[in-house]
Amino acid sequence: MYLIVMFYNIHLTNELKNDTARKKFDKYSLAYRFQLEENLKVFMLIKQVIISIGVYVLLNILAVIVSNSNYFSESFNLSMVFLVENCILLNPLLICTVTMCSVDPWRAILIRDIDILSCRLLRLNRTNIHRVRSIEEKMMAREETDIYFRDLKVMWA
């Protein structure tokens, strides 16, 4: 179900981007375009979380297989069981970390906080993280703002 909805949203977004500017703005409202972009952001976030959890589960299965095999010593098998139990209990830590690193503003704050911590520990100068918007992004933002107000004017007229 997730894949079907994701591919449908990607198809709609590509259709929106491939359309000429005139047709695109007349055919779709700003809210529709914004919703498509937000849907794609959420789908990319979910995809990253699903992939990381899948890898995590496969590593846990591998650890269980190794601990159940008789190729290693009892102390090693016991440590593997301990590792598997801790991995199962710390699963929310993985999900939260992946989610935080997948969202750009959260990642910037996390990196900034780690940078502040490391600078305090190492007594180095702190570097600031700034997101520099390109001219193209500024033009797109201005264009979308103009479209929004044009649509608003048409609705109130």
C-alpha atoms as a PDB file:
ATOM      1  CA  MET A   1       0.000   0.000   0.000  1.00  0.00           C
ATOM      2  CA  TYR A   2       2.828   2.369   0.957  1.00  0.00           C
ATOM      3  CA  LEU A   3       4.615   1.788  -2.350  1.00  0.00           C
ATOM      4  CA  ILE A   4       1.478   2.312  -4.438  1.00  0.00           C
ATOM      5  CA  VAL A   5       0.659   5.632  -2.768  1.00  0.00           C
ATOM      6  CA  MET A   6       4.304   6.760  -2.919  1.00  0.00           C
ATOM      7  CA  PHE A   7       4.636   5.994  -6.639  1.00  0.00           C
ATOM      8  CA  TYR A   8       1.318   7.715  -7.329  1.00  0.00           C
ATOM      9  CA  ASN A   9       2.532  10.856  -5.536  1.00  0.00           C
ATOM     10  CA  ILE A  10       5.839  10.733  -7.411  1.00  0.00           C
ATOM     11  CA  HIS A  11       3.906  10.413 -10.680  1.00  0.00           C
ATOM     12  CA  LEU A  12       1.743  13.431  -9.833  1.00  0.00           C
ATOM     13  CA  THR A  13       4.777  15.488  -8.830  1.00  0.00           C
ATOM     14  CA  ASN A  14       6.616  14.607 -12.041  1.00  0.00           C
ATOM     15  CA  GLU A  15       3.531  15.495 -14.056  1.00  0.00           C
ATOM     16  CA  LEU A  16       3.389  18.807 -12.237  1.00  0.00           C
ATOM     17  CA  LYS A  17       7.077  19.569 -12.884  1.00  0.00           C
ATOM     18  CA  ASN A  18       7.067  18.459 -16.536  1.00  0.00           C
ATOM     19  CA  ASP A  19       4.086  20.638 -17.378  1.00  0.00           C
ATOM     20  CA  THR A  20       4.781  24.058 -18.816  1.00  0.00           C
ATOM     21  CA  ALA A  21       4.646  26.921 -16.347  1.00  0.00           C
ATOM     22  CA  ARG A  22       1.400  28.347 -17.723  1.00  0.00           C
ATOM     23  CA  LYS A  23      -0.495  25.072 -17.680  1.00  0.00           C
ATOM     24  CA  LYS A  24       0.906  24.054 -14.324  1.00  0.00           C
ATOM     25  CA  PHE A  25      -0.237  27.185 -12.549  1.00  0.00           C
ATOM     26  CA  ASP A  26      -3.669  27.196 -14.100  1.00  0.00           C
ATOM     27  CA  LYS A  27      -4.270  23.483 -13.622  1.00  0.00           C
ATOM     28  CA  TYR A  28      -3.214  23.053  -9.976  1.00  0.00           C
ATOM     29  CA  SER A  29      -3.800  25.216  -6.956  1.00  0.00           C
ATOM     30  CA  LEU A  30      -0.987  26.179  -4.638  1.00  0.00           C
ATOM     31  CA  ALA A  31      -2.449  24.029  -1.855  1.00  0.00           C
ATOM     32  CA  TYR A  32      -2.441  20.983  -4.160  1.00  0.00           C
ATOM     33  CA  ARG A  33       1.201  21.496  -5.123  1.00  0.00           C
ATOM     34  CA  PHE A  34       2.203  22.106  -1.515  1.00  0.00           C
ATOM     35  CA  GLN A  35       0.395  18.946  -0.391  1.00  0.00           C
ATOM     36  CA  LEU A  36       2.198  16.879  -3.057  1.00  0.00           C
ATOM     37  CA  GLU A  37       5.582  18.206  -1.941  1.00  0.00           C
ATOM     38  CA  GLU A  38       4.802  17.493   1.711  1.00  0.00           C
ATOM     39  CA  ASN A  39       3.583  13.984   0.847  1.00  0.00           C
ATOM     40  CA  LEU A  40       6.896  13.258  -0.911  1.00  0.00           C
ATOM     41  CA  LYS A  41       8.893  14.531   2.071  1.00  0.00           C
ATOM     42  CA  VAL A  42       6.932  12.249   4.398  1.00  0.00           C
ATOM     43  CA  PHE A  43       7.332   9.263   2.064  1.00  0.00           C
ATOM     44  CA  MET A  44      11.111   9.790   1.914  1.00  0.00           C
ATOM     45  CA  LEU A  45      11.225   9.987   5.714  1.00  0.00           C
ATOM     46  CA  ILE A  46       9.188   6.799   6.059  1.00  0.00           C
ATOM     47  CA  LYS A  47      11.388   5.052   3.482  1.00  0.00           C
ATOM     48  CA  GLN A  48      14.527   5.869   5.478  1.00  0.00           C
ATOM     49  CA  VAL A  49      12.953   4.652   8.713  1.00  0.00           C
ATOM     50  CA  ILE A  50      11.723   1.408   7.092  1.00  0.00           C
ATOM     51  CA  ILE A  51      15.151   0.681   5.566  1.00  0.00           C
ATOM     52  CA  SER A  52      16.977   1.326   8.839  1.00  0.00           C
ATOM     53  CA  ILE A  53      14.557  -0.853  10.814  1.00  0.00           C
ATOM     54  CA  GLY A  54      14.884  -3.626   8.194  1.00  0.00           C
ATOM     55  CA  VAL A  55      18.683  -3.584   8.478  1.00  0.00           C
ATOM     56  CA  TYR A  56      18.390  -3.509  12.264  1.00  0.00           C
ATOM     57  CA  VAL A  57      16.060  -6.523  12.286  1.00  0.00           C
ATOM     58  CA  LEU A  58      18.342  -8.473   9.915  1.00  0.00           C
ATOM     59  CA  LEU A  59      21.341  -7.799  12.154  1.00  0.00           C
ATOM     60  CA  ASN A  60      19.351  -8.984  15.176  1.00  0.00           C
ATOM     61  CA  ILE A  61      18.350 -12.167  13.337  1.00  0.00           C
ATOM     62  CA  LEU A  62      21.995 -12.737  12.437  1.00  0.00           C
ATOM     63  CA  ALA A  63      22.981 -12.274  16.087  1.00  0.00           C
ATOM     64  CA  VAL A  64      20.309 -14.791  17.182  1.00  0.00           C
ATOM     65  CA  ILE A  65      21.546 -17.315  14.604  1.00  0.00           C
ATOM     66  CA  VAL A  66      25.128 -16.866  15.777  1.00  0.00           C
ATOM     67  CA  SER A  67      24.119 -17.210  19.432  1.00  0.00           C
ATOM     68  CA  ASN A  68      22.166 -20.435  18.693  1.00  0.00           C
ATOM     69  CA  SER A  69      24.993 -22.009  16.761  1.00  0.00           C
ATOM     70  CA  ASN A  70      27.452 -24.264  18.541  1.00  0.00           C
ATOM     71  CA  TYR A  71      30.521 -22.877  16.781  1.00  0.00           C
ATOM     72  CA  PHE A  72      31.422 -20.371  19.506  1.00  0.00           C
ATOM     73  CA  SER A  73      32.027 -20.590  23.233  1.00  0.00           C
ATOM     74  CA  GLU A  74      29.262 -20.290  25.816  1.00  0.00           C
ATOM     75  CA  SER A  75      30.515 -16.915  27.015  1.00  0.00           C
ATOM     76  CA  PHE A  76      30.410 -15.527  23.454  1.00  0.00           C
ATOM     77  CA  ASN A  77      26.883 -16.895  22.952  1.00  0.00           C
ATOM     78  CA  LEU A  78      25.825 -15.325  26.255  1.00  0.00           C
ATOM     79  CA  SER A  79      27.228 -11.968  25.162  1.00  0.00           C
ATOM     80  CA  MET A  80      25.351 -12.287  21.847  1.00  0.00           C
ATOM     81  CA  VAL A  81      22.086 -12.928  23.726  1.00  0.00           C
ATOM     82  CA  PHE A  82      22.823  -9.859  25.842  1.00  0.00           C
ATOM     83  CA  LEU A  83      23.430  -7.846  22.650  1.00  0.00           C
ATOM     84  CA  VAL A  84      20.154  -9.019  21.081  1.00  0.00           C
ATOM     85  CA  GLU A  85      18.157  -8.156  24.212  1.00  0.00           C
ATOM     86  CA  ASN A  86      19.645  -4.670  24.335  1.00  0.00           C
ATOM     87  CA  CYS A  87      19.024  -4.145  20.628  1.00  0.00           C
ATOM     88  CA  ILE A  88      15.380  -5.089  21.061  1.00  0.00           C
ATOM     89  CA  LEU A  89      14.977  -2.769  24.034  1.00  0.00           C
ATOM     90  CA  LEU A  90      16.812   0.141  22.372  1.00  0.00           C
ATOM     91  CA  ASN A  91      14.814  -0.001  19.125  1.00  0.00           C
ATOM     92  CA  PRO A  92      13.076   3.365  19.801  1.00  0.00           C
ATOM     93  CA  LEU A  93      16.502   4.990  20.083  1.00  0.00           C
ATOM     94  CA  LEU A  94      17.269   3.932  16.507  1.00  0.00           C
ATOM     95  CA  ILE A  95      13.919   5.115  15.174  1.00  0.00           C
ATOM     96  CA  CYS A  96      14.206   8.510  16.887  1.00  0.00           C
ATOM     97  CA  THR A  97      17.790   9.001  15.699  1.00  0.00           C
ATOM     98  CA  VAL A  98      16.959   8.118  12.097  1.00  0.00           C
ATOM     99  CA  THR A  99      13.914  10.385  12.179  1.00  0.00           C
ATOM    100  CA  MET A 100      15.909  13.289  13.603  1.00  0.00           C
ATOM    101  CA  CYS A 101      18.651  12.878  11.020  1.00  0.00           C
ATOM    102  CA  SER A 102      16.140  12.636   8.173  1.00  0.00           C
ATOM    103  CA  VAL A 103      14.533  16.047   8.732  1.00  0.00           C
ATOM    104  CA  ASP A 104      16.846  18.862   7.585  1.00  0.00           C
ATOM    105  CA  PRO A 105      16.149  21.450  10.340  1.00  0.00           C
ATOM    106  CA  TRP A 106      16.411  18.809  13.050  1.00  0.00           C
ATOM    107  CA  ARG A 107      19.663  17.497  11.555  1.00  0.00           C
ATOM    108  CA  ALA A 108      21.127  21.022  11.476  1.00  0.00           C
ATOM    109  CA  ILE A 109      20.228  21.577  15.124  1.00  0.00           C
ATOM    110  CA  LEU A 110      21.627  18.171  16.074  1.00  0.00           C
ATOM    111  CA  ILE A 111      24.899  18.862  14.250  1.00  0.00           C
ATOM    112  CA  ARG A 112      25.070  22.335  15.788  1.00  0.00           C
ATOM    113  CA  ASP A 113      24.525  20.916  19.273  1.00  0.00           C
ATOM    114  CA  ILE A 114      27.145  18.220  18.724  1.00  0.00           C
ATOM    115  CA  ASP A 115      29.477  20.915  17.382  1.00  0.00           C
ATOM    116  CA  ILE A 116      28.879  23.051  20.488  1.00  0.00           C
ATOM    117  CA  LEU A 117      29.550  20.050  22.719  1.00  0.00           C
ATOM    118  CA  SER A 118      32.713  19.085  20.863  1.00  0.00           C
ATOM    119  CA  CYS A 119      33.945  22.688  20.895  1.00  0.00           C
ATOM    120  CA  ARG A 120      33.442  22.890  24.620  1.00  0.00           C
ATOM    121  CA  LEU A 121      35.292  19.647  25.108  1.00  0.00           C
ATOM    122  CA  LEU A 122      38.110  20.521  22.708  1.00  0.00           C
ATOM    123  CA  ARG A 123      38.037  24.286  23.440  1.00  0.00           C
ATOM    124  CA  LEU A 124      37.832  25.185  19.751  1.00  0.00           C
ATOM    125  CA  ASN A 125      35.941  28.001  18.103  1.00  0.00           C
ATOM    126  CA  ARG A 126      32.347  27.184  17.325  1.00  0.00           C
ATOM    127  CA  THR A 127      31.277  27.201  13.701  1.00  0.00           C
ATOM    128  CA  ASN A 128      27.769  28.224  12.795  1.00  0.00           C
ATOM    129  CA  ILE A 129      25.629  26.246  10.445  1.00  0.00           C
ATOM    130  CA  HIS A 130      23.738  28.379   7.969  1.00  0.00           C
ATOM    131  CA  ARG A 131      21.499  27.152   5.242  1.00  0.00           C
ATOM    132  CA  VAL A 132      22.251  29.305   2.266  1.00  0.00           C
ATOM    133  CA  ARG A 133      19.349  29.570  -0.129  1.00  0.00           C
ATOM    134  CA  SER A 134      20.295  29.608  -3.731  1.00  0.00           C
ATOM    135  CA  ILE A 135      18.994  32.213  -6.150  1.00  0.00           C
ATOM    136  CA  GLU A 136      16.906  29.520  -7.802  1.00  0.00           C
ATOM    137  CA  GLU A 137      15.209  28.628  -4.506  1.00  0.00           C
ATOM    138  CA  LYS A 138      14.483  32.300  -3.834  1.00  0.00           C
ATOM    139  CA  MET A 139      12.962  32.726  -7.295  1.00  0.00           C
ATOM    140  CA  MET A 140      10.790  29.615  -6.823  1.00  0.00           C
ATOM    141  CA  ALA A 141       9.629  30.919  -3.437  1.00  0.00           C
ATOM    142  CA  ARG A 142       8.781  34.308  -4.934  1.00  0.00           C
ATOM    143  CA  GLU A 143       6.966  32.654  -7.842  1.00  0.00           C
ATOM    144  CA  GLU A 144       4.901  30.447  -5.537  1.00  0.00           C
ATOM    145  CA  THR A 145       4.062  33.453  -3.347  1.00  0.00           C
ATOM    146  CA  ASP A 146       2.858  35.368  -6.386  1.00  0.00           C
ATOM    147  CA  ILE A 147       0.747  32.404  -7.470  1.00  0.00           C
ATOM    148  CA  TYR A 148      -0.736  32.067  -4.003  1.00  0.00           C
ATOM    149  CA  PHE A 149      -1.806  35.688  -3.886  1.00  0.00           C
ATOM    150  CA  ARG A 150      -3.131  35.552  -7.454  1.00  0.00           C
ATOM    151  CA  ASP A 151      -5.238  32.500  -6.548  1.00  0.00           C
ATOM    152  CA  LEU A 152      -6.410  34.239  -3.372  1.00  0.00           C
ATOM    153  CA  LYS A 153      -7.391  37.327  -5.350  1.00  0.00           C
ATOM    154  CA  VAL A 154      -9.359  35.209  -7.841  1.00  0.00           C
ATOM    155  CA  MET A 155     -11.163  33.413  -5.032  1.00  0.00           C
ATOM    156  CA  TRP A 156     -12.200  36.668  -3.323  1.00  0.00           C
ATOM    157  CA  ALA A 157     -13.189  38.439  -6.536  1.00  0.00           C
END
